[in-house]
Amino acid sequence: MTTQEPWRNPRPSPNWSELRAKTPTPRWLALFWAWWPAIAWAGFIFVMSTDAFSSQHTAPFFGTILRWMRPGIAPDQFEFIHHLIRKCAHFTEYFVFFVLLYRAMRAGRSGWRWTWAFTAWLIAAVYSASDEFHQMFVSSRGASVYDSLLDSTAAFVALVVLWLWFRRRSKTDDRPAA
């Protein structure tokens, strides 16, 4: 600054990180950012429970792929593999759903809390039961207690995996710097 320009501010304009640090995020926006992936995934699960993804509609798709990979596949082998693919899809859907629910329960906070984990698991288990209830009203689908149990088990496996991951992460964070 020169003596001829006393109106100039000697401090440069703040950078983006300074502005973000000084500007509080509204609570509703933080909750929205925390919950939208879990809500979107719940919508994805709901769509996967419709007639379009029933066994009758997925069999031709997987049949084409499996017959291309192994042309002489027997019908009973195909049925077993198709059943296995569908059950793995159940497991994967609810494993991911639990991870997203736990992320939402944390809402930007750090660490592991059993209350967050059990709440996320309970939400996943209740949603699984409601999903099977929804399938009762879809003509090409059927409700199954075993599917709901598989979904809840997948969420529980995700709970254990996340707990182990957080536990291992906290042990590496506690190590002294070399």
Protein backbone atom coordinates (compact mmCIF):
# COMPACT_ATOMS: atom_id res chain seq x y z
CA MET A 1 0.00 0.00 0.00
CA THR A 2 1.28 3.39 -0.89
CA THR A 3 0.71 6.58 1.05
CA GLN A 4 -1.26 8.02 -1.88
CA GLU A 5 -3.97 5.25 -1.59
CA PRO A 6 -5.11 5.07 2.04
CA TRP A 7 -8.50 3.60 1.07
CA ARG A 8 -6.99 0.29 -0.09
CA ASN A 9 -7.33 -2.69 2.23
CA PRO A 10 -3.88 -4.12 3.05
CA ARG A 11 -5.33 -7.64 3.60
CA PRO A 12 -5.87 -9.72 0.44
CA SER A 13 -9.28 -11.20 -0.22
CA PRO A 14 -9.93 -14.53 1.58
CA ASN A 15 -9.56 -17.78 -0.25
CA TRP A 16 -12.29 -20.43 -0.50
CA SER A 17 -11.13 -22.53 2.47
CA GLU A 18 -11.14 -19.47 4.75
CA LEU A 19 -14.67 -18.59 3.70
CA ARG A 20 -15.92 -22.17 4.26
CA ALA A 21 -14.30 -22.30 7.69
CA LYS A 22 -15.98 -19.08 8.79
CA THR A 23 -19.39 -19.80 7.24
CA PRO A 24 -21.49 -22.23 9.28
CA THR A 25 -23.39 -24.84 7.30
CA PRO A 26 -27.12 -24.84 8.08
CA ARG A 27 -28.15 -28.01 9.95
CA TRP A 28 -30.80 -28.90 7.38
CA LEU A 29 -28.21 -28.77 4.60
CA ALA A 30 -25.80 -30.97 6.53
CA LEU A 31 -28.61 -33.49 7.16
CA PHE A 32 -29.62 -33.41 3.50
CA TRP A 33 -26.05 -34.15 2.38
CA ALA A 34 -25.82 -36.94 4.93
CA TRP A 35 -29.14 -38.62 4.11
CA TRP A 36 -29.69 -38.23 0.37
CA PRO A 37 -27.52 -41.23 -0.69
CA ALA A 38 -29.37 -43.56 1.71
CA ILE A 39 -32.76 -42.27 0.54
CA ALA A 40 -31.74 -42.64 -3.11
CA TRP A 41 -30.54 -46.20 -2.43
CA ALA A 42 -33.85 -47.00 -0.71
CA GLY A 43 -35.55 -45.83 -3.91
CA PHE A 44 -33.26 -48.08 -5.93
CA ILE A 45 -34.20 -51.05 -3.71
CA PHE A 46 -37.88 -50.20 -4.17
CA VAL A 47 -37.48 -50.16 -7.97
CA MET A 48 -35.65 -53.50 -7.84
CA SER A 49 -38.71 -54.93 -6.04
CA THR A 50 -41.05 -54.19 -8.92
CA ASP A 51 -42.28 -56.49 -11.66
CA ALA A 52 -39.51 -55.34 -14.02
CA PHE A 53 -36.91 -57.13 -11.90
CA SER A 54 -38.87 -60.27 -11.10
CA SER A 55 -37.33 -63.68 -11.70
CA GLN A 56 -39.29 -64.09 -14.94
CA HIS A 57 -37.83 -60.85 -16.32
CA THR A 58 -34.23 -61.31 -15.19
CA ALA A 59 -33.94 -64.92 -16.38
CA PRO A 60 -33.70 -64.06 -20.11
CA PHE A 61 -31.04 -61.43 -19.43
CA PHE A 62 -28.84 -63.71 -17.33
CA GLY A 63 -29.68 -66.68 -19.56
CA THR A 64 -28.19 -64.92 -22.57
CA ILE A 65 -24.99 -64.12 -20.67
CA LEU A 66 -24.61 -67.58 -19.12
CA ARG A 67 -25.35 -69.39 -22.40
CA TRP A 68 -22.77 -67.20 -24.13
CA MET A 69 -20.17 -68.04 -21.44
CA ARG A 70 -21.13 -71.72 -21.29
CA PRO A 71 -23.25 -72.84 -24.25
CA GLY A 72 -24.07 -76.31 -22.91
CA ILE A 73 -25.42 -75.22 -19.51
CA ALA A 74 -28.22 -77.45 -18.24
CA PRO A 75 -31.54 -75.84 -17.27
CA ASP A 76 -31.23 -76.92 -13.63
CA GLN A 77 -27.71 -75.46 -13.47
CA PHE A 78 -29.02 -72.21 -14.95
CA GLU A 79 -31.84 -72.08 -12.39
CA PHE A 80 -29.36 -72.58 -9.55
CA ILE A 81 -26.99 -69.87 -10.83
CA HIS A 82 -29.90 -67.49 -11.48
CA HIS A 83 -31.17 -68.08 -7.94
CA LEU A 84 -27.66 -67.48 -6.57
CA ILE A 85 -27.29 -64.23 -8.52
CA ARG A 86 -30.64 -62.98 -7.20
CA LYS A 87 -29.73 -63.79 -3.58
CA CYS A 88 -26.33 -62.13 -3.98
CA ALA A 89 -28.17 -59.06 -5.27
CA HIS A 90 -30.30 -59.05 -2.09
CA PHE A 91 -27.18 -59.30 0.04
CA THR A 92 -25.33 -56.56 -1.86
CA GLU A 93 -28.32 -54.17 -1.84
CA TYR A 94 -28.67 -54.27 1.93
CA PHE A 95 -24.93 -54.31 2.63
CA VAL A 96 -24.60 -51.03 0.72
CA PHE A 97 -27.83 -49.73 2.28
CA PHE A 98 -26.46 -50.23 5.79
CA VAL A 99 -23.20 -48.44 4.92
CA LEU A 100 -25.16 -45.49 3.55
CA LEU A 101 -27.48 -45.48 6.57
CA TYR A 102 -24.53 -45.48 8.95
CA ARG A 103 -23.00 -42.60 7.00
CA ALA A 104 -26.29 -40.73 7.35
CA MET A 105 -26.50 -41.44 11.08
CA ARG A 106 -23.02 -39.99 11.55
CA ALA A 107 -24.04 -36.82 9.65
CA GLY A 108 -20.49 -35.54 9.33
CA ARG A 109 -19.39 -36.52 12.81
CA SER A 110 -16.41 -38.80 13.22
CA GLY A 111 -15.83 -42.13 14.89
CA TRP A 112 -17.91 -45.18 15.72
CA ARG A 113 -21.03 -45.21 17.89
CA TRP A 114 -22.97 -48.38 18.62
CA THR A 115 -26.21 -46.39 18.79
CA TRP A 116 -25.67 -45.17 15.23
CA ALA A 117 -24.87 -48.71 14.08
CA PHE A 118 -27.88 -50.37 15.72
CA THR A 119 -30.21 -47.61 14.56
CA ALA A 120 -28.94 -47.99 10.99
CA TRP A 121 -29.33 -51.78 11.24
CA LEU A 122 -32.86 -51.43 12.60
CA ILE A 123 -33.82 -49.07 9.76
CA ALA A 124 -32.40 -51.55 7.22
CA ALA A 125 -34.25 -54.48 8.83
CA VAL A 126 -37.57 -52.61 8.95
CA TYR A 127 -37.12 -51.44 5.37
CA SER A 128 -36.40 -55.03 4.35
CA ALA A 129 -39.65 -56.20 5.94
CA SER A 130 -41.57 -53.36 4.29
CA ASP A 131 -39.95 -54.26 0.96
CA GLU A 132 -41.19 -57.84 1.28
CA PHE A 133 -44.62 -56.49 2.24
CA HIS A 134 -44.54 -54.37 -0.93
CA GLN A 135 -43.75 -57.48 -2.98
CA MET A 136 -46.97 -59.13 -1.75
CA PHE A 137 -48.85 -56.67 -3.97
CA VAL A 138 -46.73 -57.24 -7.08
CA SER A 139 -48.26 -60.07 -9.11
CA SER A 140 -44.98 -61.54 -10.36
CA ARG A 141 -43.23 -61.29 -6.98
CA GLY A 142 -43.76 -62.99 -3.68
CA ALA A 143 -42.99 -62.00 -0.13
CA SER A 144 -40.43 -64.15 1.64
CA VAL A 145 -39.40 -64.08 5.26
CA TYR A 146 -36.13 -65.69 4.19
CA ASP A 147 -35.34 -62.80 1.84
CA SER A 148 -35.98 -60.36 4.66
CA LEU A 149 -33.73 -62.42 6.92
CA LEU A 150 -31.03 -62.45 4.23
CA ASP A 151 -31.33 -58.66 3.88
CA SER A 152 -31.08 -58.13 7.64
CA THR A 153 -28.11 -60.49 7.78
CA ALA A 154 -26.39 -58.50 5.02
CA ALA A 155 -26.92 -55.31 7.01
CA PHE A 156 -25.51 -57.02 10.11
CA VAL A 157 -22.46 -58.23 8.17
CA ALA A 158 -21.94 -54.65 6.99
CA LEU A 159 -22.20 -53.52 10.63
CA VAL A 160 -19.44 -55.96 11.65
CA VAL A 161 -17.25 -55.01 8.68
CA LEU A 162 -17.61 -51.29 9.43
CA TRP A 163 -16.92 -51.85 13.12
CA LEU A 164 -13.75 -53.76 12.29
CA TRP A 165 -12.73 -51.07 9.83
CA PHE A 166 -13.27 -48.26 12.37
CA ARG A 167 -11.51 -50.28 15.06
CA ARG A 168 -8.49 -50.90 12.85
CA ARG A 169 -8.48 -47.26 11.74
CA SER A 170 -8.52 -46.00 15.33
CA LYS A 171 -5.58 -48.27 16.20
CA THR A 172 -3.53 -46.89 13.31
CA ASP A 173 -4.46 -43.31 14.33
CA ASP A 174 -3.27 -43.98 17.90
CA ARG A 175 0.24 -45.00 16.81
CA PRO A 176 2.95 -42.46 17.60
CA ALA A 177 4.48 -40.67 14.65
CA ALA A 178 7.89 -42.00 13.67
